[in-house]
Amino acid sequence: MRSLILFICFFSFSVFGQSLTKSQERVIKETIEETYGPIDANFIYNQGFNTISIIGKDTLYNPNGYYFVFKLSQGKATRLDRCTFHGGNFHRFLFSWKKRLYALGGYGFFTTTNNLLYFNQINGGWTFQPTGGKTPPHLLGANFKHGKHIYTFNNYQCGNSTGKDVFDFKLHRLDLDKMHWKTFTLLDTNLFFKGFSYSLKNYVFFKGEDRSIIIHPSTMEYLIVKNEEIGFPYSHQILDVHSNSITIRHVDSVGIKNSKSIDLETIWKSFTLHKKFRYEPSKTLKSTISWTSLFIIGLLGLIVLLLVLVFKKNKTTPITPSYTESHLLLVNQAKELLTQEEFDLIMGIDILEQDSKKLRRHRIITDLNQSHPNFIERIKDETDKRRNLYKINK
């Protein structure tokens, strides 16, 4: 009877509290350091459901920013992945669906991704999941799961301190049954700001610089709150995410470090009015053009045609679109002729399984050549005709 009680207490603490034991934390720390060297002292191991997912009877742990996967059981952490290289994947959205662990989007190696990956427990690797519809251009924002749908908004493409961040003002919804994307317009523009998303037991906390959003996924409701009013001073560090609470450390006015726990459940219940997410299908060009607009467009088209006829003999220099981050990754490396392995490594897809790499590689090359024709050429390897080399036309 006593052992049963201890088991129930341990199960409740490990799964619903989402906290690692010291032994589990040590194993995870040592595994990361074997590949990357000494880990940052401020690395947060316990990030609630940002790092833990329940797959059937298994509790899986994926540290934020890495592709390692561990199974947590009886106070132990057992590594499941067999990946030999781990690119950065920070602030990806971790979730489970039909006994699979998924990772959506994220940021790493100066690239904001829009990939959807799932972990294949049989092969111990991450696999690219194809989706239909219009895939969001970048996925780094607020995320939550409601029923069979994933909702994501406030996504942006990081400018890497060399350019401007590109903000996406749309709400995107992924149907997990069909693996199909749809795009919507959020009606509450107060929701638009940059931040990072934390998944807790019953809530999602999207933390901005001076304000945050508390989301209740099961009811599709939310609150917009000022950080200082709910206990987050301007200068603080998140130490731990546990159940529905976030533990932070901050420095007071006399320089003393203090730690405290902020309970989102208490904050949520202290507000009597919660807003529902309101959105509508994004308007297409066809539905928004009026007869007046058509007349103006037609008139402009006629003027352009006349100008072309008048100056058709004059040679003009075509305007080439700017390079994307993916273009620059290939342009800035020294070689002009890459092997398949080198190309996959630069594009950050070398961690995928063989079929997934092939599919993702084809999609990347198609996208790059669409804006800059003939940017990448496939050339047969003279030493092995079964393989391609990739020529970068800089």
Protein backbone atom coordinates (compact mmCIF):
# COMPACT_ATOMS: atom_id res chain seq x y z
CA MET A 1 0.00 0.00 0.00
CA ARG A 2 2.81 2.40 0.91
CA SER A 3 4.64 1.68 -2.37
CA LEU A 4 1.40 2.35 -4.27
CA ILE A 5 1.00 5.73 -2.55
CA LEU A 6 4.63 6.60 -3.33
CA PHE A 7 4.11 5.62 -6.98
CA ILE A 8 0.98 7.79 -7.25
CA CYS A 9 2.78 10.74 -5.67
CA PHE A 10 5.79 10.30 -7.96
CA PHE A 11 3.60 9.95 -11.08
CA SER A 12 1.65 13.07 -10.18
CA PHE A 13 4.83 15.04 -9.49
CA SER A 14 6.60 13.94 -12.66
CA VAL A 15 3.78 14.18 -15.19
CA PHE A 16 1.42 16.85 -13.96
CA GLY A 17 4.12 18.90 -12.23
CA GLN A 18 6.46 18.52 -15.25
CA SER A 19 9.59 18.73 -13.06
CA LEU A 20 12.79 16.76 -13.59
CA THR A 21 14.49 14.91 -10.78
CA LYS A 22 18.11 15.83 -10.03
CA SER A 23 19.24 12.56 -11.59
CA GLN A 24 17.28 13.22 -14.80
CA GLU A 25 18.58 16.77 -15.00
CA ARG A 26 22.17 15.55 -14.60
CA VAL A 27 21.82 12.99 -17.42
CA ILE A 28 20.31 15.59 -19.76
CA LYS A 29 22.99 18.14 -18.89
CA GLU A 30 25.82 15.65 -19.51
CA THR A 31 24.29 14.57 -22.84
CA ILE A 32 24.05 18.13 -24.12
CA GLU A 33 27.59 18.93 -22.95
CA GLU A 34 29.02 15.91 -24.77
CA THR A 35 28.06 17.61 -28.06
CA TYR A 36 28.20 21.32 -27.26
CA GLY A 37 30.58 21.70 -24.33
CA PRO A 38 29.67 23.44 -21.05
CA ILE A 39 26.02 24.46 -21.04
CA ASP A 40 24.86 27.96 -20.11
CA ALA A 41 24.40 28.24 -16.35
CA ASN A 42 21.06 30.00 -16.96
CA PHE A 43 19.66 27.19 -19.13
CA ILE A 44 16.10 26.34 -18.01
CA TYR A 45 15.55 22.58 -17.78
CA ASN A 46 11.99 22.69 -16.40
CA GLN A 47 9.81 24.50 -18.92
CA GLY A 48 6.55 22.62 -18.35
CA PHE A 49 4.95 21.38 -21.54
CA ASN A 50 7.46 23.40 -23.57
CA THR A 51 9.77 20.46 -22.94
CA ILE A 52 7.56 17.54 -21.80
CA SER A 53 4.91 15.66 -23.76
CA ILE A 54 2.81 12.61 -22.88
CA ILE A 55 2.77 9.98 -25.69
CA GLY A 56 0.51 7.10 -24.67
CA LYS A 57 2.03 5.76 -21.44
CA ASP A 58 5.40 7.42 -22.08
CA THR A 59 6.62 10.80 -20.83
CA LEU A 60 9.05 12.30 -23.35
CA TYR A 61 11.39 15.22 -22.73
CA ASN A 62 12.87 17.45 -25.46
CA PRO A 63 15.13 20.29 -24.19
CA ASN A 64 14.32 23.66 -25.72
CA GLY A 65 16.71 24.42 -28.57
CA TYR A 66 17.92 20.85 -29.17
CA TYR A 67 16.79 17.68 -30.95
CA PHE A 68 17.62 15.31 -28.08
CA VAL A 69 14.67 13.20 -26.91
CA PHE A 70 14.58 11.43 -23.53
CA LYS A 71 12.08 9.06 -21.97
CA LEU A 72 11.38 9.89 -18.31
CA SER A 73 10.54 6.89 -16.15
CA GLN A 74 11.02 6.02 -12.47
CA GLY A 75 13.34 8.95 -11.87
CA LYS A 76 15.56 8.10 -14.85
CA ALA A 77 16.12 9.83 -18.20
CA THR A 78 16.80 7.44 -21.10
CA ARG A 79 17.91 8.90 -24.40
CA LEU A 80 15.78 7.76 -27.38
CA ASP A 81 17.20 9.74 -30.33
CA ARG A 82 20.15 8.63 -32.41
CA CYS A 83 20.88 11.99 -34.01
CA THR A 84 24.58 12.66 -34.60
CA PHE A 85 24.15 16.40 -35.18
CA HIS A 86 21.76 18.81 -33.46
CA GLY A 87 21.04 22.20 -34.99
CA GLY A 88 19.43 24.96 -32.96
CA ASN A 89 15.64 24.88 -32.69
CA PHE A 90 14.77 27.35 -29.95
CA HIS A 91 11.20 28.30 -29.03
CA ARG A 92 9.68 25.61 -31.27
CA PHE A 93 6.18 24.55 -30.26
CA LEU A 94 6.18 21.03 -28.82
CA PHE A 95 2.95 18.99 -28.89
CA SER A 96 1.66 15.45 -29.28
CA TRP A 97 -0.84 14.04 -31.76
CA LYS A 98 -1.85 10.41 -32.37
CA LYS A 99 1.05 9.00 -30.34
CA ARG A 100 3.65 11.18 -32.04
CA LEU A 101 5.82 13.98 -30.68
CA TYR A 102 5.80 17.06 -32.96
CA ALA A 103 7.96 20.20 -33.08
CA LEU A 104 6.64 23.21 -34.99
CA GLY A 105 8.79 26.10 -36.21
CA GLY A 106 11.52 27.63 -34.04
CA TYR A 107 14.77 29.54 -34.49
CA GLY A 108 18.37 28.44 -34.87
CA PHE A 109 21.54 29.09 -36.87
CA PHE A 110 20.27 32.58 -37.82
CA THR A 111 17.18 31.05 -39.44
CA THR A 112 13.50 31.24 -38.47
CA THR A 113 11.92 28.02 -39.70
CA ASN A 114 8.41 27.00 -40.71
CA ASN A 115 9.00 23.24 -40.53
CA LEU A 116 6.73 20.69 -38.90
CA LEU A 117 8.75 17.70 -37.66
CA TYR A 118 7.77 14.57 -35.76
CA PHE A 119 9.96 12.19 -33.79
CA ASN A 120 10.12 8.62 -35.09
CA GLN A 121 10.71 6.43 -32.04
CA ILE A 122 11.52 3.38 -34.18
CA ASN A 123 14.36 5.07 -36.10
CA GLY A 124 15.28 7.51 -33.35
CA GLY A 125 15.20 10.48 -35.74
CA TRP A 126 13.12 13.53 -36.67
CA THR A 127 11.01 13.34 -39.84
CA PHE A 128 9.67 16.18 -41.96
CA GLN A 129 5.84 16.25 -41.97
CA PRO A 130 4.38 17.58 -45.25
CA THR A 131 1.34 19.88 -44.91
CA GLY A 132 -1.22 21.27 -47.34
CA GLY A 133 -2.64 24.77 -47.71
CA LYS A 134 -0.54 27.91 -47.45
CA THR A 135 2.26 27.22 -44.96
CA PRO A 136 3.08 30.25 -42.74
CA PRO A 137 6.34 31.85 -43.95
CA HIS A 138 7.89 31.70 -40.45
CA LEU A 139 6.77 30.19 -37.15
CA LEU A 140 8.11 31.91 -34.05
CA GLY A 141 5.32 33.29 -31.85
CA ALA A 142 2.30 32.36 -29.71
CA ASN A 143 1.09 28.77 -30.08
CA PHE A 144 -1.62 26.63 -28.52
CA LYS A 145 -3.55 23.45 -29.25
CA HIS A 146 -7.37 23.27 -29.13
CA GLY A 147 -8.98 19.97 -30.09
CA LYS A 148 -7.62 18.82 -33.42
CA HIS A 149 -6.21 22.24 -34.31
CA ILE A 150 -2.97 24.13 -33.67
CA TYR A 151 -3.36 27.91 -33.53
CA THR A 152 -0.37 30.20 -34.01
CA PHE A 153 -0.10 33.98 -34.25
CA ASN A 154 2.35 36.85 -33.56
CA ASN A 155 4.93 35.02 -35.65
CA TYR A 156 7.94 36.90 -36.95
CA GLN A 157 11.15 36.33 -38.88
CA CYS A 158 14.16 37.37 -36.82
CA GLY A 159 16.40 39.95 -38.51
CA ASN A 160 19.47 38.62 -36.64
CA SER A 161 20.51 42.17 -35.67
CA THR A 162 21.48 42.84 -39.31
CA GLY A 163 18.04 43.69 -40.66
CA LYS A 164 14.49 44.39 -39.54
CA ASP A 165 12.30 41.68 -38.03
CA VAL A 166 9.46 40.72 -40.39
CA PHE A 167 6.17 40.48 -38.47
CA ASP A 168 3.20 38.33 -39.51
CA PHE A 169 -0.16 39.81 -38.46
CA LYS A 170 -2.21 36.73 -39.38
CA LEU A 171 -3.63 33.88 -37.33
CA HIS A 172 -2.77 30.47 -38.78
CA ARG A 173 -4.61 27.24 -37.98
CA LEU A 174 -3.33 23.73 -38.70
CA ASP A 175 -5.90 20.93 -38.98
CA LEU A 176 -4.03 17.94 -37.53
CA ASP A 177 -6.36 15.35 -39.07
CA LYS A 178 -5.81 16.69 -42.59
CA MET A 179 -2.42 18.34 -41.95
CA HIS A 180 -3.76 21.40 -43.75
CA TRP A 181 -3.15 25.10 -43.04
CA LYS A 182 -5.73 27.92 -43.12
CA THR A 183 -5.12 31.63 -42.60
CA PHE A 184 -7.35 34.03 -40.67
CA THR A 185 -7.47 37.67 -39.60
CA LEU A 186 -7.49 38.35 -35.85
CA LEU A 187 -10.07 41.01 -34.97
CA ASP A 188 -8.40 42.18 -31.73
CA THR A 189 -5.33 44.14 -32.83
CA ASN A 190 -4.26 44.54 -29.19
CA LEU A 191 -2.95 40.96 -29.46
CA PHE A 192 -0.17 42.00 -31.82
CA PHE A 193 3.26 42.17 -30.17
CA LYS A 194 6.48 40.16 -30.00
CA GLY A 195 7.14 37.65 -27.25
CA PHE A 196 7.82 34.03 -26.36
CA SER A 197 5.33 31.26 -25.64
CA TYR A 198 5.30 29.01 -22.54
CA SER A 199 2.94 26.00 -22.34
CA LEU A 200 1.69 25.17 -18.85
CA LYS A 201 -0.78 22.58 -17.52
CA ASN A 202 -3.97 24.54 -18.28
CA TYR A 203 -2.66 27.76 -19.81
CA VAL A 204 -0.32 29.21 -22.40
CA PHE A 205 1.64 32.26 -21.31
CA PHE A 206 2.82 34.48 -24.18
CA LYS A 207 5.27 36.88 -22.57
CA GLY A 208 6.05 40.21 -24.19
CA GLU A 209 8.41 42.95 -23.05
CA ASP A 210 5.89 44.97 -21.02
CA ARG A 211 2.63 43.02 -21.44
CA SER A 212 1.62 39.41 -21.89
CA ILE A 213 -1.26 37.20 -23.00
CA ILE A 214 -2.67 34.43 -20.81
CA ILE A 215 -4.48 31.91 -23.03
CA HIS A 216 -6.92 29.25 -21.84
CA PRO A 217 -6.80 26.78 -24.79
CA SER A 218 -9.71 24.59 -23.65
CA THR A 219 -12.15 27.54 -23.76
CA MET A 220 -10.43 29.62 -26.49
CA GLU A 221 -10.33 32.60 -24.11
CA TYR A 222 -7.53 35.02 -23.28
CA LEU A 223 -6.43 37.93 -21.08
CA ILE A 224 -4.02 40.73 -21.95
CA VAL A 225 -2.17 41.79 -18.79
CA LYS A 226 0.59 44.22 -17.88
CA ASN A 227 3.68 42.35 -16.67
CA GLU A 228 4.40 44.51 -13.62
CA GLU A 229 0.79 44.27 -12.44
CA ILE A 230 0.92 40.46 -12.30
CA GLY A 231 4.35 40.28 -10.64
CA PHE A 232 6.85 40.36 -13.51
CA PRO A 233 9.24 43.30 -12.95
CA TYR A 234 11.03 44.70 -15.99
CA SER A 235 14.31 42.96 -15.08
CA HIS A 236 13.83 39.28 -14.24
CA GLN A 237 14.84 35.76 -15.22
CA ILE A 238 12.53 32.75 -15.55
CA LEU A 239 13.90 29.87 -13.47
CA ASP A 240 11.21 27.19 -13.67
CA VAL A 241 7.79 26.38 -15.15
CA HIS A 242 5.78 24.02 -12.94
CA SER A 243 2.10 23.03 -13.34
CA ASN A 244 0.36 26.44 -13.72
CA SER A 245 3.12 28.47 -12.05
CA ILE A 246 6.23 30.28 -13.25
CA THR A 247 9.15 30.86 -10.88
CA ILE A 248 11.24 33.96 -11.55
CA ARG A 249 14.30 35.64 -10.06
CA HIS A 250 14.57 39.42 -10.00
CA VAL A 251 16.81 42.07 -8.50
CA ASP A 252 15.16 44.63 -6.20
CA SER A 253 16.02 48.33 -5.84
CA VAL A 254 18.88 47.66 -3.40
CA GLY A 255 20.47 44.93 -5.54
CA ILE A 256 19.19 41.87 -3.64
CA LYS A 257 18.16 38.85 -5.72
CA ASN A 258 14.70 37.50 -4.90
CA SER A 259 12.79 34.50 -6.20
CA LYS A 260 9.04 34.14 -6.32
CA SER A 261 6.38 31.99 -7.95
CA ILE A 262 3.59 33.48 -10.07
CA ASP A 263 0.42 31.38 -10.30
CA LEU A 264 -1.48 31.86 -13.57
CA GLU A 265 -4.53 30.04 -12.21
CA THR A 266 -4.91 32.66 -9.48
CA ILE A 267 -4.41 35.52 -11.94
CA TRP A 268 -6.94 34.05 -14.37
CA LYS A 269 -9.60 33.68 -11.69
CA SER A 270 -8.99 37.21 -10.41
CA PHE A 271 -10.40 38.57 -13.67
CA THR A 272 -14.14 38.18 -14.20
CA LEU A 273 -14.07 39.12 -17.88
CA HIS A 274 -12.21 36.92 -20.36
CA LYS A 275 -12.21 37.57 -24.09
CA LYS A 276 -12.91 34.96 -26.76
CA PHE A 277 -10.64 34.65 -29.76
CA ARG A 278 -12.44 36.32 -32.65
CA TYR A 279 -11.18 35.85 -36.19
CA GLU A 280 -12.44 35.67 -39.77
CA PRO A 281 -11.10 34.18 -43.00
CA SER A 282 -8.46 36.40 -44.56
CA LYS A 283 -9.95 38.44 -47.39
CA THR A 284 -8.73 37.61 -50.85
CA LEU A 285 -8.01 40.16 -53.56
CA LYS A 286 -11.07 39.00 -55.48
CA SER A 287 -13.49 39.71 -52.64
CA THR A 288 -12.13 43.18 -51.90
CA ILE A 289 -11.90 44.71 -55.40
CA SER A 290 -14.69 47.18 -56.26
CA TRP A 291 -15.76 48.37 -59.73
CA THR A 292 -13.96 51.66 -59.10
CA SER A 293 -10.79 49.74 -58.25
CA LEU A 294 -11.13 47.68 -61.42
CA PHE A 295 -11.46 50.87 -63.50
CA ILE A 296 -8.36 52.38 -61.90
CA ILE A 297 -6.40 49.15 -62.37
CA GLY A 298 -7.48 48.98 -66.02
CA LEU A 299 -6.50 52.62 -66.62
CA LEU A 300 -3.08 52.07 -65.02
CA GLY A 301 -2.63 48.95 -67.12
CA LEU A 302 -3.37 50.92 -70.30
CA ILE A 303 -0.85 53.62 -69.31
CA VAL A 304 1.80 50.97 -68.63
CA LEU A 305 1.09 49.34 -72.02
CA LEU A 306 1.51 52.66 -73.81
CA LEU A 307 4.79 53.32 -72.01
CA VAL A 308 6.05 49.87 -72.98
CA LEU A 309 5.17 50.49 -76.65
CA VAL A 310 6.91 53.87 -76.63
CA PHE A 311 10.08 52.72 -74.90
CA LYS A 312 10.21 49.07 -76.02
CA LYS A 313 13.44 49.65 -77.89
CA ASN A 314 15.21 50.92 -74.80
CA LYS A 315 16.96 48.22 -72.85
CA THR A 316 16.25 48.20 -69.14
CA THR A 317 17.88 46.34 -66.30
CA PRO A 318 15.47 43.86 -64.65
CA ILE A 319 14.89 44.24 -60.94
CA THR A 320 16.03 41.17 -59.06
CA PRO A 321 14.37 40.35 -55.72
CA SER A 322 16.58 40.53 -52.64
CA TYR A 323 18.23 37.40 -51.35
CA THR A 324 16.44 35.57 -48.55
CA GLU A 325 18.24 34.20 -45.49
CA SER A 326 18.44 30.79 -47.19
CA HIS A 327 20.08 32.36 -50.27
CA LEU A 328 22.60 34.17 -48.06
CA LEU A 329 23.52 30.98 -46.21
CA LEU A 330 24.66 29.50 -49.53
CA VAL A 331 26.18 32.71 -50.94
CA ASN A 332 28.26 33.44 -47.83
CA GLN A 333 29.96 30.07 -47.69
CA ALA A 334 33.21 29.70 -49.63
CA LYS A 335 32.45 26.84 -52.03
CA GLU A 336 30.51 27.07 -55.29
CA LEU A 337 30.06 23.32 -55.72
CA LEU A 338 28.53 21.45 -52.77
CA THR A 339 28.02 17.80 -52.09
CA GLN A 340 24.60 16.60 -51.00
CA GLU A 341 25.83 16.26 -47.41
CA GLU A 342 27.30 19.78 -47.39
CA PHE A 343 24.09 21.26 -48.80
CA ASP A 344 21.96 19.47 -46.17
CA LEU A 345 24.25 20.65 -43.36
CA ILE A 346 24.10 24.32 -44.44
CA MET A 347 20.29 24.18 -44.78
CA GLY A 348 19.92 22.50 -41.37
CA ILE A 349 18.11 19.41 -42.71
CA ASP A 350 20.87 16.87 -42.09
CA ILE A 351 19.11 15.71 -38.90
CA LEU A 352 16.13 14.39 -40.88
CA GLU A 353 15.61 10.85 -42.13
CA GLN A 354 16.62 10.08 -45.72
CA ASP A 355 13.15 10.38 -47.33
CA SER A 356 12.40 13.55 -45.37
CA LYS A 357 15.73 15.10 -46.39
CA LYS A 358 15.02 14.37 -50.05
CA LEU A 359 11.55 15.95 -49.86
CA ARG A 360 12.75 19.00 -47.92
CA ARG A 361 15.81 19.45 -50.18
CA HIS A 362 13.59 19.51 -53.28
CA ARG A 363 11.26 22.06 -51.67
CA ILE A 364 14.16 24.36 -50.65
CA ILE A 365 15.77 24.30 -54.13
CA THR A 366 12.42 24.97 -55.81
CA ASP A 367 11.78 27.98 -53.52
CA LEU A 368 15.29 29.39 -54.04
CA ASN A 369 15.14 29.06 -57.83
CA GLN A 370 11.65 30.54 -58.01
CA SER A 371 12.82 34.04 -56.99
CA HIS A 372 16.33 33.67 -58.51
CA PRO A 373 16.16 31.34 -61.55
CA ASN A 374 19.11 28.99 -61.94
CA PHE A 375 20.48 29.95 -58.50
CA ILE A 376 21.14 26.27 -57.80
CA GLU A 377 22.05 23.76 -60.53
CA ARG A 378 22.05 20.00 -60.05
CA ILE A 379 25.16 18.45 -61.62
CA LYS A 380 25.97 14.73 -61.81
CA ASP A 381 28.92 13.68 -59.66
CA GLU A 382 31.59 12.38 -62.08
CA THR A 383 32.85 9.95 -59.43
CA ASP A 384 29.38 8.54 -58.78
CA LYS A 385 26.66 9.09 -61.41
CA ARG A 386 23.95 8.15 -58.90
CA ARG A 387 24.64 11.30 -56.87
CA ASN A 388 24.12 15.00 -57.52
CA LEU A 389 26.37 17.92 -56.78
CA TYR A 390 24.87 21.37 -56.24
CA LYS A 391 26.37 24.35 -58.05
CA ILE A 392 25.66 27.74 -56.41
CA ASN A 393 25.54 30.49 -59.07
CA LYS A 394 26.52 33.44 -56.93
